[in-house]
């Protein structure tokens, strides 16, 4: 997968702690999270499972979507994840 703007949601496990991020290279960024190379929230709370992502044509659109999702309440985020990934499987395998 080449560089393309993406919004992603990581989880600590089923119905666990969530993290929403934006990147221009999804595979690389998720790998960094999984290796513990990203300091901060995801490393501290072991939030490494990719449970949702969406690709965008432009970075500005991805950033706007990330900001929108971060404002959503938790149940809306869970509903979004479960609409495409009801078992909360790690989607990393599909990308890598």
PDB file of N, CA and C in Angstrom:
ATOM      1  N   UNK A   1       0.852  -1.178   0.000  1.00  0.00           N
ATOM      2  CA  UNK A   1       0.000   0.000   0.000  1.00  0.00           C
ATOM      3  C   UNK A   1       0.897   1.240   0.000  1.00  0.00           C
ATOM      4  N   UNK A   2       0.700   2.090  -0.957  1.00  0.00           N
ATOM      5  CA  UNK A   2       1.490   3.313  -1.020  1.00  0.00           C
ATOM      6  C   UNK A   2       0.880   4.365  -0.104  1.00  0.00           C
ATOM      7  N   UNK A   3       1.547   5.500  -0.031  1.00  0.00           N
ATOM      8  CA  UNK A   3       1.063   6.561   0.840  1.00  0.00           C
ATOM      9  C   UNK A   3      -0.298   7.059   0.383  1.00  0.00           C
ATOM     10  N   UNK A   4      -1.206   7.124   1.348  1.00  0.00           N
ATOM     11  CA  UNK A   4      -2.536   7.655   1.107  1.00  0.00           C
ATOM     12  C   UNK A   4      -3.109   8.057   2.465  1.00  0.00           C
ATOM     13  N   UNK A   5      -3.712   9.232   2.551  1.00  0.00           N
ATOM     14  CA  UNK A   5      -4.291   9.663   3.824  1.00  0.00           C
ATOM     15  C   UNK A   5      -5.316   8.668   4.353  1.00  0.00           C
ATOM     16  N   UNK A   6      -5.271   8.455   5.650  1.00  0.00           N
ATOM     17  CA  UNK A   6      -6.195   7.515   6.289  1.00  0.00           C
ATOM     18  C   UNK A   6      -6.502   7.954   7.713  1.00  0.00           C
ATOM     19  N   UNK A   7      -7.699   7.632   8.141  1.00  0.00           N
ATOM     20  CA  UNK A   7      -8.103   7.773   9.542  1.00  0.00           C
ATOM     21  C   UNK A   7      -8.216   6.357  10.071  1.00  0.00           C
ATOM     22  N   UNK A   8      -7.770   6.134  11.296  1.00  0.00           N
ATOM     23  CA  UNK A   8      -7.794   4.783  11.844  1.00  0.00           C
ATOM     24  C   UNK A   8      -8.182   4.800  13.310  1.00  0.00           C
ATOM     25  N   UNK A   9      -8.719   3.662  13.739  1.00  0.00           N
ATOM     26  CA  UNK A   9      -9.050   3.482  15.150  1.00  0.00           C
ATOM     27  C   UNK A   9      -8.316   2.240  15.643  1.00  0.00           C
ATOM     28  N   UNK A  10      -7.574   2.418  16.720  1.00  0.00           N
ATOM     29  CA  UNK A  10      -6.899   1.318  17.399  1.00  0.00           C
ATOM     30  C   UNK A  10      -7.664   1.020  18.687  1.00  0.00           C
ATOM     31  N   UNK A  11      -7.606  -0.224  19.128  1.00  0.00           N
ATOM     32  CA  UNK A  11      -8.261  -0.621  20.376  1.00  0.00           C
ATOM     33  C   UNK A  11      -7.329  -1.501  21.191  1.00  0.00           C
ATOM     34  N   UNK A  12      -7.544  -1.508  22.483  1.00  0.00           N
ATOM     35  CA  UNK A  12      -6.753  -2.372  23.369  1.00  0.00           C
ATOM     36  C   UNK A  12      -7.292  -3.799  23.358  1.00  0.00           C
ATOM     37  N   UNK A  13      -8.481  -3.979  22.817  1.00  0.00           N
ATOM     38  CA  UNK A  13      -9.137  -5.279  22.752  1.00  0.00           C
ATOM     39  C   UNK A  13     -10.610  -5.060  22.495  1.00  0.00           C
ATOM     40  N   UNK A  14     -11.376  -6.130  22.514  1.00  0.00           N
ATOM     41  CA  UNK A  14     -12.813  -6.017  22.271  1.00  0.00           C
ATOM     42  C   UNK A  14     -13.437  -5.028  23.243  1.00  0.00           C
ATOM     43  N   UNK A  15     -14.110  -4.023  22.689  1.00  0.00           N
ATOM     44  CA  UNK A  15     -14.797  -2.999  23.486  1.00  0.00           C
ATOM     45  C   UNK A  15     -13.863  -2.325  24.484  1.00  0.00           C
ATOM     46  N   UNK A  16     -12.585  -2.252  24.135  1.00  0.00           N
ATOM     47  CA  UNK A  16     -11.590  -1.685  25.045  1.00  0.00           C
ATOM     48  C   UNK A  16     -11.322  -0.207  24.807  1.00  0.00           C
ATOM     49  N   UNK A  17     -10.171   0.222  25.269  1.00  0.00           N
ATOM     50  CA  UNK A  17      -9.730   1.603  25.106  1.00  0.00           C
ATOM     51  C   UNK A  17      -9.528   1.892  23.629  1.00  0.00           C
ATOM     52  N   UNK A  18      -9.991   3.061  23.174  1.00  0.00           N
ATOM     53  CA  UNK A  18      -9.903   3.434  21.766  1.00  0.00           C
ATOM     54  C   UNK A  18      -8.949   4.598  21.545  1.00  0.00           C
ATOM     55  N   UNK A  19      -8.324   4.598  20.370  1.00  0.00           N
ATOM     56  CA  UNK A  19      -7.476   5.706  19.940  1.00  0.00           C
ATOM     57  C   UNK A  19      -7.793   5.998  18.479  1.00  0.00           C
ATOM     58  N   UNK A  20      -7.995   7.256  18.158  1.00  0.00           N
ATOM     59  CA  UNK A  20      -8.264   7.661  16.778  1.00  0.00           C
ATOM     60  C   UNK A  20      -7.075   8.477  16.292  1.00  0.00           C
ATOM     61  N   UNK A  21      -6.576   8.125  15.101  1.00  0.00           N
ATOM     62  CA  UNK A  21      -5.442   8.831  14.534  1.00  0.00           C
ATOM     63  C   UNK A  21      -5.607   9.064  13.047  1.00  0.00           C
ATOM     64  N   UNK A  22      -4.692   9.857  12.490  1.00  0.00           N
ATOM     65  CA  UNK A  22      -4.665  10.139  11.061  1.00  0.00           C
ATOM     66  C   UNK A  22      -3.221   9.997  10.597  1.00  0.00           C
ATOM     67  N   UNK A  23      -3.031   9.526   9.369  1.00  0.00           N
ATOM     68  CA  UNK A  23      -1.689   9.301   8.849  1.00  0.00           C
ATOM     69  C   UNK A  23      -1.703   9.353   7.328  1.00  0.00           C
ATOM     70  N   UNK A  24      -0.535   9.504   6.751  1.00  0.00           N
ATOM     71  CA  UNK A  24      -0.430   9.443   5.293  1.00  0.00           C
ATOM     72  C   UNK A  24       0.052   8.065   4.835  1.00  0.00           C
ATOM     73  N   UNK A  25       0.424   7.207   5.804  1.00  0.00           N
ATOM     74  CA  UNK A  25       0.911   5.871   5.453  1.00  0.00           C
ATOM     75  C   UNK A  25       0.452   4.895   6.539  1.00  0.00           C
ATOM     76  N   UNK A  26      -0.712   4.291   6.314  1.00  0.00           N
ATOM     77  CA  UNK A  26      -1.367   3.486   7.348  1.00  0.00           C
ATOM     78  C   UNK A  26      -0.531   2.297   7.806  1.00  0.00           C
ATOM     79  N   UNK A  27       0.028   1.541   6.882  1.00  0.00           N
ATOM     80  CA  UNK A  27       0.807   0.353   7.262  1.00  0.00           C
ATOM     81  C   UNK A  27       1.971   0.738   8.167  1.00  0.00           C
ATOM     82  N   UNK A  28       2.700   1.744   7.763  1.00  0.00           N
ATOM     83  CA  UNK A  28       3.861   2.179   8.545  1.00  0.00           C
ATOM     84  C   UNK A  28       3.449   2.661   9.932  1.00  0.00           C
ATOM     85  N   UNK A  29       2.382   3.452   9.995  1.00  0.00           N
ATOM     86  CA  UNK A  29       1.974   4.021  11.273  1.00  0.00           C
ATOM     87  C   UNK A  29       1.463   2.949  12.239  1.00  0.00           C
ATOM     88  N   UNK A  30       0.657   2.020  11.748  1.00  0.00           N
ATOM     89  CA  UNK A  30       0.151   0.965  12.630  1.00  0.00           C
ATOM     90  C   UNK A  30       1.305   0.090  13.101  1.00  0.00           C
ATOM     91  N   UNK A  31       2.246  -0.209  12.215  1.00  0.00           N
ATOM     92  CA  UNK A  31       3.427  -0.977  12.602  1.00  0.00           C
ATOM     93  C   UNK A  31       4.174  -0.262  13.727  1.00  0.00           C
ATOM     94  N   UNK A  32       4.331   1.057  13.616  1.00  0.00           N
ATOM     95  CA  UNK A  32       5.006   1.833  14.665  1.00  0.00           C
ATOM     96  C   UNK A  32       4.268   1.706  15.993  1.00  0.00           C
ATOM     97  N   UNK A  33       2.934   1.790  15.956  1.00  0.00           N
ATOM     98  CA  UNK A  33       2.145   1.614  17.185  1.00  0.00           C
ATOM     99  C   UNK A  33       2.375   0.221  17.762  1.00  0.00           C
ATOM    100  N   UNK A  34       2.328  -0.805  16.925  1.00  0.00           N
ATOM    101  CA  UNK A  34       2.483  -2.179  17.386  1.00  0.00           C
ATOM    102  C   UNK A  34       3.869  -2.440  17.980  1.00  0.00           C
ATOM    103  N   UNK A  35       4.884  -1.769  17.481  1.00  0.00           N
ATOM    104  CA  UNK A  35       6.244  -1.951  17.977  1.00  0.00           C
ATOM    105  C   UNK A  35       6.539  -1.091  19.203  1.00  0.00           C
ATOM    106  N   UNK A  36       5.575  -0.276  19.619  1.00  0.00           N
ATOM    107  CA  UNK A  36       5.771   0.593  20.775  1.00  0.00           C
ATOM    108  C   UNK A  36       6.672   1.774  20.478  1.00  0.00           C
ATOM    109  N   UNK A  37       6.763   2.165  19.217  1.00  0.00           N
ATOM    110  CA  UNK A  37       7.636   3.266  18.812  1.00  0.00           C
ATOM    111  C   UNK A  37       6.967   4.630  18.928  1.00  0.00           C
ATOM    112  N   UNK A  38       5.655   4.639  19.137  1.00  0.00           N
ATOM    113  CA  UNK A  38       4.911   5.885  19.264  1.00  0.00           C
ATOM    114  C   UNK A  38       4.706   6.162  20.742  1.00  0.00           C
ATOM    115  N   UNK A  39       5.395   7.160  21.232  1.00  0.00           N
ATOM    116  CA  UNK A  39       5.277   7.514  22.649  1.00  0.00           C
ATOM    117  C   UNK A  39       3.899   8.103  22.924  1.00  0.00           C
ATOM    118  N   UNK A  40       3.406   7.895  24.111  1.00  0.00           N
ATOM    119  CA  UNK A  40       2.148   8.513  24.512  1.00  0.00           C
ATOM    120  C   UNK A  40       1.056   7.506  24.817  1.00  0.00           C
ATOM    121  N   UNK A  41      -0.161   7.903  24.484  1.00  0.00           N
ATOM    122  CA  UNK A  41      -1.373   7.188  24.868  1.00  0.00           C
ATOM    123  C   UNK A  41      -1.373   5.722  24.452  1.00  0.00           C
ATOM    124  N   UNK A  42      -1.099   5.443  23.175  1.00  0.00           N
ATOM    125  CA  UNK A  42      -1.206   4.059  22.696  1.00  0.00           C
ATOM    126  C   UNK A  42      -0.175   3.153  23.342  1.00  0.00           C
ATOM    127  N   UNK A  43       0.986   3.669  23.597  1.00  0.00           N
ATOM    128  CA  UNK A  43       2.028   2.873  24.249  1.00  0.00           C
ATOM    129  C   UNK A  43       1.671   2.651  25.721  1.00  0.00           C
ATOM    130  N   UNK A  44       1.247   3.716  26.391  1.00  0.00           N
ATOM    131  CA  UNK A  44       0.926   3.647  27.814  1.00  0.00           C
ATOM    132  C   UNK A  44      -0.216   2.668  28.106  1.00  0.00           C
ATOM    133  N   UNK A  45      -1.236   2.651  27.233  1.00  0.00           N
ATOM    134  CA  UNK A  45      -2.422   1.837  27.482  1.00  0.00           C
ATOM    135  C   UNK A  45      -2.514   0.594  26.587  1.00  0.00           C
ATOM    136  N   UNK A  46      -1.435   0.247  25.897  1.00  0.00           N
ATOM    137  CA  UNK A  46      -1.373  -0.944  25.029  1.00  0.00           C
ATOM    138  C   UNK A  46      -2.524  -0.995  24.021  1.00  0.00           C
ATOM    139  N   UNK A  47      -2.691   0.095  23.320  1.00  0.00           N
ATOM    140  CA  UNK A  47      -3.744   0.214  22.316  1.00  0.00           C
ATOM    141  C   UNK A  47      -3.088  -0.007  20.957  1.00  0.00           C
ATOM    142  N   UNK A  48      -3.114  -1.259  20.471  1.00  0.00           N
ATOM    143  CA  UNK A  48      -2.345  -1.612  19.276  1.00  0.00           C
ATOM    144  C   UNK A  48      -3.128  -2.379  18.209  1.00  0.00           C
ATOM    145  N   UNK A  49      -4.379  -2.692  18.446  1.00  0.00           N
ATOM    146  CA  UNK A  49      -5.155  -3.489  17.505  1.00  0.00           C
ATOM    147  C   UNK A  49      -5.928  -2.570  16.554  1.00  0.00           C
ATOM    148  N   UNK A  50      -5.671  -2.683  15.266  1.00  0.00           N
ATOM    149  CA  UNK A  50      -6.355  -1.877  14.257  1.00  0.00           C
ATOM    150  C   UNK A  50      -7.749  -2.455  14.036  1.00  0.00           C
ATOM    151  N   UNK A  51      -8.776  -1.728  14.486  1.00  0.00           N
ATOM    152  CA  UNK A  51     -10.139  -2.248  14.383  1.00  0.00           C
ATOM    153  C   UNK A  51     -10.981  -1.525  13.336  1.00  0.00           C
ATOM    154  N   UNK A  52     -10.494  -0.387  12.841  1.00  0.00           N
ATOM    155  CA  UNK A  52     -11.243   0.375  11.836  1.00  0.00           C
ATOM    156  C   UNK A  52     -10.286   1.305  11.114  1.00  0.00           C
ATOM    157  N   UNK A  53     -10.528   1.469   9.819  1.00  0.00           N
ATOM    158  CA  UNK A  53      -9.801   2.496   9.072  1.00  0.00           C
ATOM    159  C   UNK A  53     -10.603   2.893   7.848  1.00  0.00           C
ATOM    160  N   UNK A  54     -10.350   4.090   7.389  1.00  0.00           N
ATOM    161  CA  UNK A  54     -10.948   4.564   6.149  1.00  0.00           C
ATOM    162  C   UNK A  54      -9.922   5.406   5.411  1.00  0.00           C
ATOM    163  N   UNK A  55      -9.859   5.187   4.109  1.00  0.00           N
ATOM    164  CA  UNK A  55      -8.902   5.888   3.264  1.00  0.00           C
ATOM    165  C   UNK A  55      -9.558   7.154   2.703  1.00  0.00           C
ATOM    166  N   UNK A  56      -8.726   8.172   2.469  1.00  0.00           N
ATOM    167  CA  UNK A  56      -9.208   9.447   1.929  1.00  0.00           C
ATOM    168  C   UNK A  56      -8.317   9.880   0.772  1.00  0.00           C
ATOM    169  N   UNK A  57      -8.869  10.655  -0.112  1.00  0.00           N
ATOM    170  CA  UNK A  57      -8.115  11.157  -1.265  1.00  0.00           C
ATOM    171  C   UNK A  57      -7.153  12.265  -0.872  1.00  0.00           C
ATOM    172  N   UNK A  58      -7.549  13.101   0.091  1.00  0.00           N
ATOM    173  CA  UNK A  58      -6.727  14.246   0.494  1.00  0.00           C
ATOM    174  C   UNK A  58      -6.544  14.254   2.007  1.00  0.00           C
ATOM    175  N   UNK A  59      -5.383  14.731   2.435  1.00  0.00           N
ATOM    176  CA  UNK A  59      -5.073  14.771   3.863  1.00  0.00           C
ATOM    177  C   UNK A  59      -6.031  15.689   4.615  1.00  0.00           C
ATOM    178  N   UNK A  60      -6.417  16.792   4.017  1.00  0.00           N
ATOM    179  CA  UNK A  60      -7.335  17.707   4.692  1.00  0.00           C
ATOM    180  C   UNK A  60      -8.647  17.005   5.047  1.00  0.00           C
ATOM    181  N   UNK A  61      -9.160  16.199   4.133  1.00  0.00           N
ATOM    182  CA  UNK A  61     -10.395  15.450   4.392  1.00  0.00           C
ATOM    183  C   UNK A  61     -10.190  14.447   5.528  1.00  0.00           C
ATOM    184  N   UNK A  62      -9.036  13.788   5.537  1.00  0.00           N
ATOM    185  CA  UNK A  62      -8.734  12.823   6.600  1.00  0.00           C
ATOM    186  C   UNK A  62      -8.638  13.519   7.955  1.00  0.00           C
ATOM    187  N   UNK A  63      -7.990  14.657   7.998  1.00  0.00           N
ATOM    188  CA  UNK A  63      -7.853  15.410   9.256  1.00  0.00           C
ATOM    189  C   UNK A  63      -9.222  15.868   9.749  1.00  0.00           C
ATOM    190  N   UNK A  64     -10.054  16.341   8.845  1.00  0.00           N
ATOM    191  CA  UNK A  64     -11.402  16.762   9.243  1.00  0.00           C
ATOM    192  C   UNK A  64     -12.208  15.587   9.785  1.00  0.00           C
ATOM    193  N   UNK A  65     -12.079  14.443   9.152  1.00  0.00           N
ATOM    194  CA  UNK A  65     -12.801  13.252   9.620  1.00  0.00           C
ATOM    195  C   UNK A  65     -12.292  12.800  10.986  1.00  0.00           C
ATOM    196  N   UNK A  66     -10.975  12.846  11.182  1.00  0.00           N
ATOM    197  CA  UNK A  66     -10.412  12.489  12.482  1.00  0.00           C
ATOM    198  C   UNK A  66     -10.985  13.391  13.575  1.00  0.00           C
ATOM    199  N   UNK A  67     -11.020  14.680  13.317  1.00  0.00           N
ATOM    200  CA  UNK A  67     -11.558  15.627  14.304  1.00  0.00           C
ATOM    201  C   UNK A  67     -13.028  15.345  14.589  1.00  0.00           C
ATOM    202  N   UNK A  68     -13.774  14.998  13.534  1.00  0.00           N
ATOM    203  CA  UNK A  68     -15.187  14.678  13.700  1.00  0.00           C
ATOM    204  C   UNK A  68     -15.355  13.441  14.592  1.00  0.00           C
ATOM    205  N   UNK A  69     -14.606  12.383  14.285  1.00  0.00           N
ATOM    206  CA  UNK A  69     -14.722  11.146  15.060  1.00  0.00           C
ATOM    207  C   UNK A  69     -14.316  11.342  16.512  1.00  0.00           C
ATOM    208  N   UNK A  70     -13.317  12.157  16.754  1.00  0.00           N
ATOM    209  CA  UNK A  70     -12.867  12.387  18.135  1.00  0.00           C
ATOM    210  C   UNK A  70     -13.939  13.078  18.973  1.00  0.00           C
ATOM    211  N   UNK A  71     -14.836  13.799  18.324  1.00  0.00           N
ATOM    212  CA  UNK A  71     -15.925  14.474  19.040  1.00  0.00           C
ATOM    213  C   UNK A  71     -17.109  13.557  19.311  1.00  0.00           C
ATOM    214  N   UNK A  72     -17.174  12.435  18.603  1.00  0.00           N
ATOM    215  CA  UNK A  72     -18.291  11.503  18.784  1.00  0.00           C
ATOM    216  C   UNK A  72     -18.259  10.884  20.176  1.00  0.00           C
ATOM    217  N   UNK A  73     -19.442  10.496  20.652  1.00  0.00           N
ATOM    218  CA  UNK A  73     -19.460   9.781  21.929  1.00  0.00           C
ATOM    219  C   UNK A  73     -18.994   8.339  21.688  1.00  0.00           C
ATOM    220  N   UNK A  74     -18.657   7.682  22.752  1.00  0.00           N
ATOM    221  CA  UNK A  74     -18.069   6.337  22.656  1.00  0.00           C
ATOM    222  C   UNK A  74     -18.971   5.344  21.918  1.00  0.00           C
ATOM    223  N   UNK A  75     -20.273   5.373  22.187  1.00  0.00           N
ATOM    224  CA  UNK A  75     -21.172   4.407  21.558  1.00  0.00           C
ATOM    225  C   UNK A  75     -21.207   4.580  20.044  1.00  0.00           C
ATOM    226  N   UNK A  76     -21.155   5.801  19.550  1.00  0.00           N
ATOM    227  CA  UNK A  76     -21.141   6.032  18.105  1.00  0.00           C
ATOM    228  C   UNK A  76     -19.873   5.428  17.490  1.00  0.00           C
ATOM    229  N   UNK A  77     -18.756   5.556  18.191  1.00  0.00           N
ATOM    230  CA  UNK A  77     -17.496   4.987  17.699  1.00  0.00           C
ATOM    231  C   UNK A  77     -17.588   3.457  17.669  1.00  0.00           C
ATOM    232  N   UNK A  78     -18.136   2.884  18.712  1.00  0.00           N
ATOM    233  CA  UNK A  78     -18.314   1.427  18.767  1.00  0.00           C
ATOM    234  C   UNK A  78     -19.224   0.967  17.643  1.00  0.00           C
ATOM    235  N   UNK A  79     -20.312   1.687  17.416  1.00  0.00           N
ATOM    236  CA  UNK A  79     -21.235   1.337  16.332  1.00  0.00           C
ATOM    237  C   UNK A  79     -20.537   1.395  14.974  1.00  0.00           C
ATOM    238  N   UNK A  80     -19.688   2.407  14.766  1.00  0.00           N
ATOM    239  CA  UNK A  80     -18.939   2.538  13.517  1.00  0.00           C
ATOM    240  C   UNK A  80     -18.009   1.345  13.318  1.00  0.00           C
ATOM    241  N   UNK A  81     -17.289   0.975  14.367  1.00  0.00           N
ATOM    242  CA  UNK A  81     -16.378  -0.175  14.301  1.00  0.00           C
ATOM    243  C   UNK A  81     -17.171  -1.443  13.988  1.00  0.00           C
ATOM    244  N   UNK A  82     -18.231  -1.678  14.740  1.00  0.00           N
ATOM    245  CA  UNK A  82     -18.970  -2.935  14.619  1.00  0.00           C
ATOM    246  C   UNK A  82     -19.760  -3.053  13.319  1.00  0.00           C
ATOM    247  N   UNK A  83     -19.988  -1.934  12.649  1.00  0.00           N
ATOM    248  CA  UNK A  83     -20.666  -1.972  11.349  1.00  0.00           C
ATOM    249  C   UNK A  83     -19.811  -2.706  10.313  1.00  0.00           C
ATOM    250  N   UNK A  84     -18.491  -2.527  10.394  1.00  0.00           N
ATOM    251  CA  UNK A  84     -17.591  -3.167   9.419  1.00  0.00           C
ATOM    252  C   UNK A  84     -16.735  -4.271  10.037  1.00  0.00           C
ATOM    253  N   UNK A  85     -16.647  -4.289  11.355  1.00  0.00           N
ATOM    254  CA  UNK A  85     -15.781  -5.242  12.035  1.00  0.00           C
ATOM    255  C   UNK A  85     -16.450  -5.714  13.334  1.00  0.00           C
ATOM    256  N   UNK A  86     -17.538  -6.478  13.223  1.00  0.00           N
ATOM    257  CA  UNK A  86     -18.320  -6.841  14.408  1.00  0.00           C
ATOM    258  C   UNK A  86     -17.571  -7.657  15.452  1.00  0.00           C
ATOM    259  N   UNK A  87     -16.525  -8.368  15.058  1.00  0.00           N
ATOM    260  CA  UNK A  87     -15.781  -9.173  16.029  1.00  0.00           C
ATOM    261  C   UNK A  87     -14.530  -8.464  16.549  1.00  0.00           C
ATOM    262  N   UNK A  88     -14.321  -7.244  16.108  1.00  0.00           N
ATOM    263  CA  UNK A  88     -13.178  -6.443  16.524  1.00  0.00           C
ATOM    264  C   UNK A  88     -11.849  -7.136  16.222  1.00  0.00           C
ATOM    265  N   UNK A  89     -11.803  -7.864  15.125  1.00  0.00           N
ATOM    266  CA  UNK A  89     -10.544  -8.524  14.747  1.00  0.00           C
ATOM    267  C   UNK A  89      -9.506  -7.470  14.371  1.00  0.00           C
ATOM    268  N   UNK A  90      -8.244  -7.821  14.495  1.00  0.00           N
ATOM    269  CA  UNK A  90      -7.156  -6.910  14.154  1.00  0.00           C
ATOM    270  C   UNK A  90      -7.024  -6.887  12.632  1.00  0.00           C
ATOM    271  N   UNK A  91      -7.317  -5.755  12.024  1.00  0.00           N
ATOM    272  CA  UNK A  91      -7.285  -5.618  10.569  1.00  0.00           C
ATOM    273  C   UNK A  91      -5.871  -5.477  10.014  1.00  0.00           C
ATOM    274  N   UNK A  92      -4.901  -5.468  10.900  1.00  0.00           N
ATOM    275  CA  UNK A  92      -3.500  -5.348  10.500  1.00  0.00           C
ATOM    276  C   UNK A  92      -3.116  -6.442   9.498  1.00  0.00           C
ATOM    277  N   UNK A  93      -3.613  -7.647   9.717  1.00  0.00           N
ATOM    278  CA  UNK A  93      -3.286  -8.776   8.842  1.00  0.00           C
ATOM    279  C   UNK A  93      -3.731  -8.529   7.398  1.00  0.00           C
ATOM    280  N   UNK A  94      -4.821  -7.812   7.227  1.00  0.00           N
ATOM    281  CA  UNK A  94      -5.313  -7.501   5.881  1.00  0.00           C
ATOM    282  C   UNK A  94      -4.429  -6.494   5.171  1.00  0.00           C
ATOM    283  N   UNK A  95      -3.766  -5.658   5.932  1.00  0.00           N
ATOM    284  CA  UNK A  95      -2.930  -4.604   5.341  1.00  0.00           C
ATOM    285  C   UNK A  95      -1.498  -5.075   5.073  1.00  0.00           C
ATOM    286  N   UNK A  96      -0.935  -5.802   6.031  1.00  0.00           N
ATOM    287  CA  UNK A  96       0.483  -6.139   5.980  1.00  0.00           C
ATOM    288  C   UNK A  96       0.792  -7.284   5.033  1.00  0.00           C
TER     289      UNK A  96
END
